[in-house]
Amino acid sequence: MATFASFWRHGSNAVLALGIVALLVLFATRALAFTPASLLAVALGALVFFVSEYTTHRFMLHAPPQNHPFVLKLQHRLHYDHHIDPARLDLLFLPLWFAVPVAALTFGIYFAVTRSWSVSATLLLGSLLGLLWYEWVHFVAHIPFVPKTPFGRWIKKYHLWHHFKNERMWFGVTNPSMDFVGRTYARVEEVERSGSTRVLFPK
């Protein structure tokens, strides 16, 4: 049975937490500037993540299988195999070799836009906090644990609808907001059960 310790034993989650701590240390020691207005940048960075949570899940992770063997292998590791066996923890979290380059690319984009180390780091902090929250919510959705809050229990069911009712709906993991925008939200009783929730693109 999965335990909460399993969450922190996974390499990418531990490194993600260390990255957040490192940024907080840089702000605390004033190596990077952090002002009251920086809280807005943290919130904006988190918002960027929550939008990308949906767009990445829907348009990249659920993209049709590619012919190139290496790309197809990536598709299976990053998401296809998670649908085949949703309970496997080693397939549940982002692999370290994917998470670190994406974080670096995100910081690079923030810096290209802001031209400020401090603002870019603050935006990145918000995105990393969003990613850590995503990994936690996703983890809880797939282990035999009943969340304490009504929203926690609902969002767990929400994600499991995506896995066991219809994989073309309910792409949001932490919240349903972008599903409303992308028109992939519906009442569960109004959606037909798909025959391809496990094997996303059956031959």
N, C-alpha and C. Protein backbone atom coordinates (compact mmCIF):
# COMPACT_ATOMS: atom_id res chain seq x y z
N MET A 1 0.85 -1.21 0.00
CA MET A 1 0.00 0.00 0.00
C MET A 1 0.88 1.24 0.00
N ALA A 2 0.52 2.17 -0.87
CA ALA A 2 1.31 3.39 -0.97
C ALA A 2 1.19 4.19 0.32
N THR A 3 2.25 4.79 0.73
CA THR A 3 2.25 5.67 1.90
C THR A 3 2.66 7.06 1.45
N PHE A 4 2.43 8.03 2.34
CA PHE A 4 2.80 9.39 1.99
C PHE A 4 4.31 9.54 1.86
N ALA A 5 5.07 8.67 2.52
CA ALA A 5 6.52 8.70 2.36
C ALA A 5 6.91 8.41 0.92
N SER A 6 6.07 7.65 0.22
CA SER A 6 6.36 7.33 -1.18
C SER A 6 6.43 8.59 -2.03
N PHE A 7 5.67 9.59 -1.66
CA PHE A 7 5.68 10.85 -2.42
C PHE A 7 7.06 11.48 -2.40
N TRP A 8 7.68 11.50 -1.23
CA TRP A 8 8.97 12.17 -1.10
C TRP A 8 10.13 11.29 -1.52
N ARG A 9 9.90 9.99 -1.61
CA ARG A 9 10.98 9.11 -2.07
C ARG A 9 11.20 9.23 -3.56
N HIS A 10 10.21 9.74 -4.27
CA HIS A 10 10.38 9.87 -5.70
C HIS A 10 11.31 11.04 -6.00
N GLY A 11 12.31 10.78 -6.82
CA GLY A 11 13.39 11.74 -7.04
C GLY A 11 12.94 13.11 -7.47
N SER A 12 12.01 13.20 -8.41
CA SER A 12 11.64 14.52 -8.92
C SER A 12 10.94 15.36 -7.87
N ASN A 13 10.16 14.74 -6.99
CA ASN A 13 9.48 15.51 -5.94
C ASN A 13 10.47 16.05 -4.93
N ALA A 14 11.45 15.23 -4.56
CA ALA A 14 12.47 15.68 -3.61
C ALA A 14 13.29 16.81 -4.20
N VAL A 15 13.69 16.68 -5.47
CA VAL A 15 14.48 17.73 -6.13
C VAL A 15 13.63 18.99 -6.29
N LEU A 16 12.36 18.82 -6.60
CA LEU A 16 11.45 19.96 -6.72
C LEU A 16 11.37 20.73 -5.41
N ALA A 17 11.23 20.00 -4.31
CA ALA A 17 11.18 20.64 -2.99
C ALA A 17 12.49 21.35 -2.68
N LEU A 18 13.61 20.72 -3.02
CA LEU A 18 14.92 21.34 -2.79
C LEU A 18 15.07 22.61 -3.62
N GLY A 19 14.56 22.59 -4.85
CA GLY A 19 14.60 23.78 -5.68
C GLY A 19 13.81 24.93 -5.08
N ILE A 20 12.65 24.62 -4.53
CA ILE A 20 11.83 25.64 -3.86
C ILE A 20 12.56 26.20 -2.65
N VAL A 21 13.15 25.31 -1.85
CA VAL A 21 13.91 25.75 -0.67
C VAL A 21 15.08 26.62 -1.09
N ALA A 22 15.78 26.23 -2.16
CA ALA A 22 16.93 27.01 -2.63
C ALA A 22 16.51 28.42 -3.03
N LEU A 23 15.39 28.54 -3.72
CA LEU A 23 14.89 29.87 -4.10
C LEU A 23 14.52 30.68 -2.87
N LEU A 24 13.89 30.05 -1.89
CA LEU A 24 13.52 30.76 -0.66
C LEU A 24 14.76 31.24 0.08
N VAL A 25 15.82 30.43 0.08
CA VAL A 25 17.08 30.84 0.72
C VAL A 25 17.67 32.05 -0.01
N LEU A 26 17.64 32.03 -1.33
CA LEU A 26 18.17 33.16 -2.10
C LEU A 26 17.39 34.44 -1.81
N PHE A 27 16.09 34.32 -1.64
CA PHE A 27 15.29 35.49 -1.29
C PHE A 27 15.54 35.92 0.16
N ALA A 28 15.65 34.95 1.06
CA ALA A 28 15.84 35.27 2.48
C ALA A 28 17.18 35.93 2.73
N THR A 29 18.21 35.52 1.97
CA THR A 29 19.54 36.10 2.15
C THR A 29 19.74 37.36 1.30
N ARG A 30 18.70 37.74 0.58
CA ARG A 30 18.71 38.93 -0.27
C ARG A 30 19.70 38.82 -1.43
N ALA A 31 20.06 37.60 -1.76
CA ALA A 31 20.83 37.40 -2.99
C ALA A 31 19.95 37.75 -4.19
N LEU A 32 18.65 37.54 -4.03
CA LEU A 32 17.66 37.98 -5.00
C LEU A 32 16.64 38.84 -4.28
N ALA A 33 16.12 39.82 -4.98
CA ALA A 33 15.18 40.76 -4.35
C ALA A 33 13.79 40.14 -4.25
N PHE A 34 13.15 40.38 -3.10
CA PHE A 34 11.77 39.95 -2.90
C PHE A 34 11.05 41.06 -2.16
N THR A 35 10.04 41.63 -2.80
CA THR A 35 9.27 42.73 -2.23
C THR A 35 7.81 42.29 -2.07
N PRO A 36 7.00 43.10 -1.40
CA PRO A 36 5.57 42.74 -1.33
C PRO A 36 4.94 42.51 -2.70
N ALA A 37 5.40 43.27 -3.69
CA ALA A 37 4.87 43.09 -5.04
C ALA A 37 5.27 41.75 -5.64
N SER A 38 6.33 41.15 -5.10
CA SER A 38 6.77 39.85 -5.60
C SER A 38 5.73 38.77 -5.39
N LEU A 39 4.86 38.97 -4.41
CA LEU A 39 3.79 37.99 -4.18
C LEU A 39 2.89 37.88 -5.40
N LEU A 40 2.72 38.99 -6.11
CA LEU A 40 1.93 38.95 -7.35
C LEU A 40 2.63 38.10 -8.40
N ALA A 41 3.97 38.20 -8.44
CA ALA A 41 4.73 37.40 -9.40
C ALA A 41 4.63 35.91 -9.05
N VAL A 42 4.66 35.59 -7.76
CA VAL A 42 4.48 34.19 -7.34
C VAL A 42 3.12 33.68 -7.81
N ALA A 43 2.09 34.49 -7.59
CA ALA A 43 0.74 34.10 -8.01
C ALA A 43 0.66 33.95 -9.53
N LEU A 44 1.33 34.85 -10.26
CA LEU A 44 1.32 34.77 -11.72
C LEU A 44 2.04 33.52 -12.19
N GLY A 45 3.17 33.21 -11.56
CA GLY A 45 3.89 31.99 -11.92
C GLY A 45 3.06 30.75 -11.68
N ALA A 46 2.31 30.74 -10.58
CA ALA A 46 1.42 29.61 -10.30
C ALA A 46 0.31 29.53 -11.35
N LEU A 47 -0.22 30.69 -11.73
CA LEU A 47 -1.28 30.72 -12.74
C LEU A 47 -0.77 30.18 -14.07
N VAL A 48 0.44 30.57 -14.44
CA VAL A 48 1.04 30.05 -15.68
C VAL A 48 1.12 28.53 -15.61
N PHE A 49 1.53 28.01 -14.45
CA PHE A 49 1.61 26.56 -14.33
C PHE A 49 0.24 25.92 -14.48
N PHE A 50 -0.78 26.47 -13.82
CA PHE A 50 -2.09 25.82 -13.85
C PHE A 50 -2.71 25.84 -15.24
N VAL A 51 -2.40 26.87 -16.03
CA VAL A 51 -2.83 26.87 -17.43
C VAL A 51 -2.07 25.80 -18.21
N SER A 52 -0.76 25.72 -17.99
CA SER A 52 0.05 24.73 -18.71
C SER A 52 -0.28 23.31 -18.26
N GLU A 53 -0.74 23.16 -17.01
CA GLU A 53 -1.17 21.83 -16.54
C GLU A 53 -2.22 21.25 -17.49
N TYR A 54 -3.18 22.07 -17.84
CA TYR A 54 -4.26 21.64 -18.73
C TYR A 54 -3.77 21.46 -20.16
N THR A 55 -3.09 22.49 -20.69
CA THR A 55 -2.70 22.44 -22.10
C THR A 55 -1.70 21.32 -22.36
N THR A 56 -0.77 21.11 -21.44
CA THR A 56 0.19 20.02 -21.60
C THR A 56 -0.51 18.68 -21.56
N HIS A 57 -1.39 18.51 -20.59
CA HIS A 57 -2.10 17.24 -20.44
C HIS A 57 -2.95 16.94 -21.68
N ARG A 58 -3.69 17.92 -22.12
CA ARG A 58 -4.61 17.68 -23.23
C ARG A 58 -3.92 17.56 -24.58
N PHE A 59 -3.01 18.48 -24.87
CA PHE A 59 -2.49 18.58 -26.23
C PHE A 59 -1.14 17.88 -26.44
N MET A 60 -0.37 17.69 -25.38
CA MET A 60 0.91 17.01 -25.54
C MET A 60 0.83 15.56 -25.06
N LEU A 61 0.38 15.37 -23.82
CA LEU A 61 0.38 14.02 -23.27
C LEU A 61 -0.68 13.13 -23.91
N HIS A 62 -1.73 13.73 -24.44
CA HIS A 62 -2.76 12.95 -25.14
C HIS A 62 -2.66 13.11 -26.65
N ALA A 63 -1.50 13.53 -27.14
CA ALA A 63 -1.29 13.62 -28.58
C ALA A 63 -1.27 12.21 -29.19
N PRO A 64 -1.69 12.06 -30.44
CA PRO A 64 -1.67 10.75 -31.08
C PRO A 64 -0.25 10.18 -31.10
N PRO A 65 -0.12 8.86 -31.10
CA PRO A 65 1.20 8.24 -31.11
C PRO A 65 1.98 8.60 -32.38
N GLN A 66 3.27 8.87 -32.18
CA GLN A 66 4.13 9.25 -33.28
C GLN A 66 4.88 8.03 -33.83
N ASN A 67 5.31 8.13 -35.08
CA ASN A 67 5.96 7.00 -35.72
C ASN A 67 7.39 6.78 -35.26
N HIS A 68 8.05 7.87 -34.84
CA HIS A 68 9.45 7.74 -34.43
C HIS A 68 9.53 6.92 -33.14
N PRO A 69 10.35 5.86 -33.12
CA PRO A 69 10.40 4.98 -31.94
C PRO A 69 10.77 5.71 -30.65
N PHE A 70 11.71 6.66 -30.72
CA PHE A 70 12.13 7.36 -29.50
C PHE A 70 11.00 8.24 -28.97
N VAL A 71 10.33 8.95 -29.87
CA VAL A 71 9.23 9.82 -29.45
C VAL A 71 8.09 8.98 -28.88
N LEU A 72 7.80 7.85 -29.51
CA LEU A 72 6.75 6.97 -29.02
C LEU A 72 7.09 6.43 -27.63
N LYS A 73 8.36 6.12 -27.42
CA LYS A 73 8.79 5.66 -26.10
C LYS A 73 8.58 6.75 -25.05
N LEU A 74 8.89 8.00 -25.41
CA LEU A 74 8.64 9.12 -24.51
C LEU A 74 7.15 9.25 -24.19
N GLN A 75 6.32 9.13 -25.20
CA GLN A 75 4.88 9.25 -24.99
C GLN A 75 4.38 8.19 -24.01
N HIS A 76 4.89 6.99 -24.16
CA HIS A 76 4.48 5.93 -23.24
C HIS A 76 4.95 6.21 -21.82
N ARG A 77 6.20 6.63 -21.68
CA ARG A 77 6.71 6.87 -20.32
C ARG A 77 6.05 8.06 -19.66
N LEU A 78 5.81 9.11 -20.43
CA LEU A 78 5.28 10.34 -19.83
C LEU A 78 3.78 10.25 -19.54
N HIS A 79 3.04 9.42 -20.30
CA HIS A 79 1.60 9.40 -20.00
C HIS A 79 0.85 8.14 -20.42
N TYR A 80 1.11 7.61 -21.59
CA TYR A 80 0.33 6.47 -22.06
C TYR A 80 0.32 5.34 -21.04
N ASP A 81 1.50 5.00 -20.52
CA ASP A 81 1.60 3.88 -19.58
C ASP A 81 0.92 4.18 -18.25
N HIS A 82 0.83 5.45 -17.90
CA HIS A 82 0.10 5.83 -16.68
C HIS A 82 -1.38 5.48 -16.81
N HIS A 83 -1.93 5.63 -18.01
CA HIS A 83 -3.32 5.24 -18.21
C HIS A 83 -3.48 3.73 -18.20
N ILE A 84 -2.49 3.02 -18.71
CA ILE A 84 -2.57 1.55 -18.71
C ILE A 84 -2.59 1.02 -17.29
N ASP A 85 -1.76 1.60 -16.42
CA ASP A 85 -1.68 1.15 -15.02
C ASP A 85 -1.64 2.36 -14.10
N PRO A 86 -2.81 2.95 -13.81
CA PRO A 86 -2.84 4.19 -13.02
C PRO A 86 -2.31 4.06 -11.60
N ALA A 87 -2.22 2.86 -11.08
CA ALA A 87 -1.79 2.68 -9.69
C ALA A 87 -0.27 2.58 -9.54
N ARG A 88 0.46 2.48 -10.63
CA ARG A 88 1.92 2.34 -10.55
C ARG A 88 2.56 3.69 -10.21
N LEU A 89 3.17 3.77 -9.04
CA LEU A 89 3.73 5.04 -8.59
C LEU A 89 4.91 5.48 -9.44
N ASP A 90 5.66 4.55 -10.00
CA ASP A 90 6.81 4.96 -10.81
C ASP A 90 6.38 5.61 -12.12
N LEU A 91 5.11 5.45 -12.49
CA LEU A 91 4.59 6.11 -13.69
C LEU A 91 3.73 7.32 -13.35
N LEU A 92 3.51 7.54 -12.06
CA LEU A 92 2.59 8.59 -11.62
C LEU A 92 3.22 9.98 -11.68
N PHE A 93 4.50 10.06 -11.31
CA PHE A 93 5.17 11.36 -11.18
C PHE A 93 5.99 11.68 -12.43
N LEU A 94 6.25 12.97 -12.62
CA LEU A 94 7.14 13.37 -13.71
C LEU A 94 8.54 12.84 -13.44
N PRO A 95 9.18 12.25 -14.43
CA PRO A 95 10.56 11.80 -14.22
C PRO A 95 11.51 12.98 -14.10
N LEU A 96 12.56 12.78 -13.34
CA LEU A 96 13.52 13.85 -13.08
C LEU A 96 14.13 14.38 -14.37
N TRP A 97 14.42 13.48 -15.30
CA TRP A 97 15.06 13.88 -16.56
C TRP A 97 14.14 14.76 -17.41
N PHE A 98 12.86 14.78 -17.10
CA PHE A 98 11.92 15.65 -17.80
C PHE A 98 11.64 16.92 -17.01
N ALA A 99 11.48 16.78 -15.70
CA ALA A 99 11.09 17.92 -14.86
C ALA A 99 12.17 18.99 -14.81
N VAL A 100 13.43 18.58 -14.68
CA VAL A 100 14.52 19.56 -14.54
C VAL A 100 14.69 20.40 -15.82
N PRO A 101 14.78 19.79 -17.01
CA PRO A 101 14.88 20.62 -18.22
C PRO A 101 13.67 21.54 -18.43
N VAL A 102 12.48 21.06 -18.08
CA VAL A 102 11.29 21.91 -18.23
C VAL A 102 11.36 23.10 -17.28
N ALA A 103 11.83 22.87 -16.05
CA ALA A 103 11.98 23.98 -15.11
C ALA A 103 13.01 24.99 -15.61
N ALA A 104 14.12 24.47 -16.17
CA ALA A 104 15.15 25.36 -16.71
C ALA A 104 14.61 26.16 -17.90
N LEU A 105 13.86 25.50 -18.77
CA LEU A 105 13.26 26.19 -19.91
C LEU A 105 12.27 27.25 -19.45
N THR A 106 11.48 26.92 -18.43
CA THR A 106 10.52 27.87 -17.90
C THR A 106 11.22 29.11 -17.37
N PHE A 107 12.31 28.89 -16.62
CA PHE A 107 13.07 30.04 -16.11
C PHE A 107 13.63 30.86 -17.27
N GLY A 108 14.13 30.17 -18.30
CA GLY A 108 14.67 30.88 -19.46
C GLY A 108 13.63 31.75 -20.14
N ILE A 109 12.42 31.25 -20.26
CA ILE A 109 11.34 32.03 -20.87
C ILE A 109 11.00 33.24 -20.00
N TYR A 110 10.91 33.00 -18.69
CA TYR A 110 10.63 34.12 -17.78
C TYR A 110 11.71 35.19 -17.89
N PHE A 111 12.97 34.76 -17.96
CA PHE A 111 14.06 35.74 -18.04
C PHE A 111 14.04 36.48 -19.38
N ALA A 112 13.73 35.76 -20.45
CA ALA A 112 13.67 36.41 -21.77
C ALA A 112 12.60 37.49 -21.80
N VAL A 113 11.54 37.29 -21.04
CA VAL A 113 10.44 38.26 -21.01
C VAL A 113 10.73 39.41 -20.06
N THR A 114 11.26 39.10 -18.86
CA THR A 114 11.39 40.12 -17.82
C THR A 114 12.77 40.78 -17.78
N ARG A 115 13.80 40.07 -18.24
CA ARG A 115 15.20 40.55 -18.15
C ARG A 115 15.59 40.85 -16.71
N SER A 116 15.01 40.14 -15.77
CA SER A 116 15.32 40.34 -14.35
C SER A 116 15.49 39.00 -13.69
N TRP A 117 16.66 38.79 -13.04
CA TRP A 117 16.90 37.54 -12.33
C TRP A 117 15.90 37.37 -11.19
N SER A 118 15.66 38.44 -10.46
CA SER A 118 14.78 38.35 -9.30
C SER A 118 13.33 38.07 -9.69
N VAL A 119 12.84 38.80 -10.68
CA VAL A 119 11.45 38.59 -11.11
C VAL A 119 11.29 37.20 -11.72
N SER A 120 12.28 36.79 -12.50
CA SER A 120 12.22 35.46 -13.12
C SER A 120 12.22 34.36 -12.06
N ALA A 121 13.06 34.53 -11.04
CA ALA A 121 13.11 33.54 -9.97
C ALA A 121 11.81 33.51 -9.17
N THR A 122 11.20 34.68 -9.00
CA THR A 122 9.92 34.74 -8.28
C THR A 122 8.82 34.06 -9.07
N LEU A 123 8.78 34.31 -10.36
CA LEU A 123 7.81 33.62 -11.22
C LEU A 123 8.04 32.11 -11.18
N LEU A 124 9.31 31.71 -11.25
CA LEU A 124 9.64 30.28 -11.20
C LEU A 124 9.20 29.67 -9.88
N LEU A 125 9.38 30.40 -8.79
CA LEU A 125 8.94 29.90 -7.48
C LEU A 125 7.44 29.58 -7.52
N GLY A 126 6.65 30.48 -8.08
CA GLY A 126 5.21 30.22 -8.19
C GLY A 126 4.91 29.00 -9.03
N SER A 127 5.62 28.85 -10.14
CA SER A 127 5.39 27.69 -11.01
C SER A 127 5.81 26.39 -10.33
N LEU A 128 6.92 26.41 -9.61
CA LEU A 128 7.37 25.20 -8.91
C LEU A 128 6.42 24.83 -7.78
N LEU A 129 5.91 25.82 -7.07
CA LEU A 129 4.91 25.54 -6.04
C LEU A 129 3.65 24.93 -6.67
N GLY A 130 3.25 25.46 -7.82
CA GLY A 130 2.11 24.89 -8.52
C GLY A 130 2.36 23.47 -8.95
N LEU A 131 3.57 23.20 -9.45
CA LEU A 131 3.92 21.84 -9.87
C LEU A 131 3.95 20.88 -8.70
N LEU A 132 4.50 21.32 -7.57
CA LEU A 132 4.53 20.45 -6.39
C LEU A 132 3.11 20.14 -5.91
N TRP A 133 2.24 21.14 -5.93
CA TRP A 133 0.84 20.92 -5.56
C TRP A 133 0.17 19.95 -6.53
N TYR A 134 0.45 20.12 -7.82
CA TYR A 134 -0.08 19.21 -8.83
C TYR A 134 0.34 17.77 -8.55
N GLU A 135 1.63 17.57 -8.28
CA GLU A 135 2.12 16.22 -8.02
C GLU A 135 1.45 15.62 -6.79
N TRP A 136 1.24 16.45 -5.77
CA TRP A 136 0.59 15.97 -4.55
C TRP A 136 -0.87 15.57 -4.81
N VAL A 137 -1.62 16.45 -5.49
CA VAL A 137 -3.03 16.17 -5.77
C VAL A 137 -3.15 14.92 -6.65
N HIS A 138 -2.28 14.81 -7.63
CA HIS A 138 -2.28 13.65 -8.53
C HIS A 138 -1.97 12.37 -7.76
N PHE A 139 -1.00 12.46 -6.86
CA PHE A 139 -0.64 11.32 -6.02
C PHE A 139 -1.83 10.87 -5.18
N VAL A 140 -2.47 11.81 -4.51
CA VAL A 140 -3.61 11.49 -3.64
C VAL A 140 -4.75 10.88 -4.45
N ALA A 141 -4.91 11.31 -5.70
CA ALA A 141 -5.99 10.78 -6.53
C ALA A 141 -5.82 9.30 -6.82
N HIS A 142 -4.59 8.81 -6.76
CA HIS A 142 -4.32 7.44 -7.19
C HIS A 142 -3.93 6.49 -6.06
N ILE A 143 -4.03 6.93 -4.82
CA ILE A 143 -3.75 6.03 -3.70
C ILE A 143 -5.02 5.84 -2.89
N PRO A 144 -5.09 4.77 -2.11
CA PRO A 144 -6.30 4.52 -1.31
C PRO A 144 -6.36 5.42 -0.08
N PHE A 145 -6.62 6.69 -0.34
CA PHE A 145 -6.70 7.69 0.73
C PHE A 145 -7.89 8.59 0.47
N VAL A 146 -8.67 8.87 1.48
CA VAL A 146 -9.82 9.76 1.35
C VAL A 146 -9.43 11.15 1.84
N PRO A 147 -9.38 12.15 0.97
CA PRO A 147 -9.03 13.51 1.39
C PRO A 147 -9.97 14.02 2.48
N LYS A 148 -9.46 14.95 3.28
CA LYS A 148 -10.22 15.45 4.43
C LYS A 148 -11.26 16.50 4.06
N THR A 149 -11.03 17.23 2.97
CA THR A 149 -11.94 18.33 2.62
C THR A 149 -12.91 17.90 1.53
N PRO A 150 -14.09 18.54 1.47
CA PRO A 150 -15.04 18.23 0.39
C PRO A 150 -14.45 18.45 -1.00
N PHE A 151 -13.70 19.56 -1.17
CA PHE A 151 -13.09 19.80 -2.48
C PHE A 151 -12.06 18.73 -2.80
N GLY A 152 -11.27 18.34 -1.81
CA GLY A 152 -10.27 17.29 -2.04
C GLY A 152 -10.91 15.99 -2.49
N ARG A 153 -12.02 15.63 -1.86
CA ARG A 153 -12.71 14.40 -2.25
C ARG A 153 -13.30 14.52 -3.66
N TRP A 154 -13.82 15.73 -3.96
CA TRP A 154 -14.41 15.93 -5.29
C TRP A 154 -13.36 15.92 -6.38
N ILE A 155 -12.23 16.60 -6.17
CA ILE A 155 -11.22 16.68 -7.23
C ILE A 155 -10.57 15.32 -7.45
N LYS A 156 -10.54 14.49 -6.42
CA LYS A 156 -10.05 13.12 -6.61
C LYS A 156 -10.99 12.36 -7.53
N LYS A 157 -12.30 12.44 -7.27
CA LYS A 157 -13.27 11.78 -8.15
C LYS A 157 -13.18 12.34 -9.57
N TYR A 158 -12.98 13.65 -9.65
CA TYR A 158 -12.90 14.33 -10.94
C TYR A 158 -11.79 13.75 -11.80
N HIS A 159 -10.62 13.55 -11.19
CA HIS A 159 -9.51 13.00 -11.96
C HIS A 159 -9.76 11.54 -12.32
N LEU A 160 -10.38 10.81 -11.44
CA LEU A 160 -10.64 9.39 -11.72
C LEU A 160 -11.69 9.23 -12.82
N TRP A 161 -12.58 10.21 -13.00
CA TRP A 161 -13.48 10.16 -14.15
C TRP A 161 -12.66 10.15 -15.44
N HIS A 162 -11.61 10.97 -15.47
CA HIS A 162 -10.74 11.03 -16.65
C HIS A 162 -10.12 9.67 -16.92
N HIS A 163 -9.75 8.96 -15.87
CA HIS A 163 -9.08 7.67 -16.04
C HIS A 163 -10.04 6.52 -16.31
N PHE A 164 -11.24 6.58 -15.76
CA PHE A 164 -12.10 5.40 -15.81
C PHE A 164 -13.45 5.62 -16.49
N LYS A 165 -13.76 6.87 -16.88
CA LYS A 165 -15.03 7.12 -17.59
C LYS A 165 -14.77 7.55 -19.03
N ASN A 166 -13.99 8.62 -19.22
CA ASN A 166 -13.72 9.09 -20.57
C ASN A 166 -12.45 9.94 -20.56
N GLU A 167 -11.44 9.47 -21.26
CA GLU A 167 -10.13 10.14 -21.25
C GLU A 167 -10.10 11.41 -22.09
N ARG A 168 -11.17 11.70 -22.81
CA ARG A 168 -11.23 12.93 -23.60
C ARG A 168 -11.89 14.08 -22.85
N MET A 169 -12.16 13.86 -21.58
CA MET A 169 -12.79 14.87 -20.73
C MET A 169 -11.99 15.02 -19.44
N TRP A 170 -12.23 16.15 -18.74
CA TRP A 170 -11.71 16.34 -17.39
C TRP A 170 -10.17 16.28 -17.32
N PHE A 171 -9.51 17.15 -18.06
CA PHE A 171 -8.05 17.14 -18.10
C PHE A 171 -7.43 17.86 -16.90
N GLY A 172 -8.16 18.73 -16.25
CA GLY A 172 -7.62 19.40 -15.07
C GLY A 172 -7.38 18.41 -13.95
N VAL A 173 -6.25 18.54 -13.27
CA VAL A 173 -5.91 17.64 -12.17
C VAL A 173 -6.10 18.35 -10.83
N THR A 174 -5.65 19.60 -10.75
CA THR A 174 -5.76 20.34 -9.49
C THR A 174 -7.05 21.15 -9.40
N ASN A 175 -7.64 21.48 -10.54
CA ASN A 175 -8.87 22.26 -10.55
C ASN A 175 -9.52 22.14 -11.93
N PRO A 176 -10.81 22.40 -12.03
CA PRO A 176 -11.52 22.22 -13.31
C PRO A 176 -11.59 23.46 -14.18
N SER A 177 -10.94 24.55 -13.79
CA SER A 177 -11.16 25.84 -14.46
C SER A 177 -10.92 25.78 -15.96
N MET A 178 -9.79 25.21 -16.36
CA MET A 178 -9.46 25.19 -17.79
C MET A 178 -10.34 24.22 -18.56
N ASP A 179 -10.91 23.25 -17.89
CA ASP A 179 -11.86 22.37 -18.58
C ASP A 179 -13.10 23.15 -19.02
N PHE A 180 -13.51 24.11 -18.21
CA PHE A 180 -14.63 24.97 -18.61
C PHE A 180 -14.23 25.80 -19.83
N VAL A 181 -13.02 26.35 -19.80
CA VAL A 181 -12.54 27.17 -20.92
C VAL A 181 -12.40 26.32 -22.18
N GLY A 182 -11.82 25.14 -22.03
CA GLY A 182 -11.57 24.27 -23.18
C GLY A 182 -12.73 23.38 -23.57
N ARG A 183 -13.85 23.53 -22.89
CA ARG A 183 -15.07 22.77 -23.17
C ARG A 183 -14.85 21.26 -23.06
N THR A 184 -14.09 20.89 -22.04
CA THR A 184 -13.88 19.47 -21.75
C THR A 184 -14.44 19.13 -20.37
N TYR A 185 -15.35 19.96 -19.90
CA TYR A 185 -16.05 19.67 -18.66
C TYR A 185 -17.49 19.30 -18.99
N ALA A 186 -18.01 18.32 -18.28
CA ALA A 186 -19.43 17.97 -18.36
C ALA A 186 -19.79 17.21 -17.10
N ARG A 187 -21.05 17.17 -16.79
CA ARG A 187 -21.50 16.34 -15.68
C ARG A 187 -21.22 14.89 -16.03
N VAL A 188 -20.73 14.14 -15.06
CA VAL A 188 -20.27 12.79 -15.35
C VAL A 188 -21.37 11.92 -15.92
N GLU A 189 -22.61 12.12 -15.48
CA GLU A 189 -23.71 11.29 -15.97
C GLU A 189 -24.10 11.63 -17.40
N GLU A 190 -23.58 12.75 -17.93
CA GLU A 190 -23.90 13.15 -19.30
C GLU A 190 -22.86 12.68 -20.31
N VAL A 191 -21.81 12.02 -19.83
CA VAL A 191 -20.70 11.61 -20.69
C VAL A 191 -20.72 10.10 -20.88
N GLU A 192 -20.61 9.66 -22.13
CA GLU A 192 -20.57 8.23 -22.41
C GLU A 192 -19.24 7.64 -21.96
N ARG A 193 -19.31 6.41 -21.50
CA ARG A 193 -18.08 5.72 -21.10
C ARG A 193 -17.27 5.38 -22.35
N SER A 194 -15.99 5.72 -22.28
CA SER A 194 -15.08 5.42 -23.38
C SER A 194 -14.53 4.01 -23.22
N GLY A 195 -14.21 3.41 -24.34
CA GLY A 195 -13.57 2.10 -24.29
C GLY A 195 -12.07 2.17 -24.37
N SER A 196 -11.52 3.39 -24.26
CA SER A 196 -10.08 3.55 -24.45
C SER A 196 -9.43 4.35 -23.33
N THR A 197 -9.96 4.24 -22.12
CA THR A 197 -9.35 4.96 -21.01
C THR A 197 -8.02 4.35 -20.61
N ARG A 198 -7.84 3.05 -20.82
CA ARG A 198 -6.58 2.40 -20.46
C ARG A 198 -5.58 2.49 -21.62
N VAL A 199 -5.97 2.03 -22.77
CA VAL A 199 -5.12 2.13 -23.96
C VAL A 199 -5.63 3.32 -24.76
N LEU A 200 -4.87 4.42 -24.71
CA LEU A 200 -5.40 5.68 -25.23
C LEU A 200 -5.68 5.66 -26.72
N PHE A 201 -4.85 4.98 -27.48
CA PHE A 201 -5.04 4.93 -28.93
C PHE A 201 -4.99 3.48 -29.38
N PRO A 202 -6.07 2.73 -29.14
CA PRO A 202 -6.07 1.31 -29.52
C PRO A 202 -5.93 1.16 -31.03
N LYS A 203 -5.24 0.12 -31.42
CA LYS A 203 -5.04 -0.13 -32.85
C LYS A 203 -6.29 -0.74 -33.47
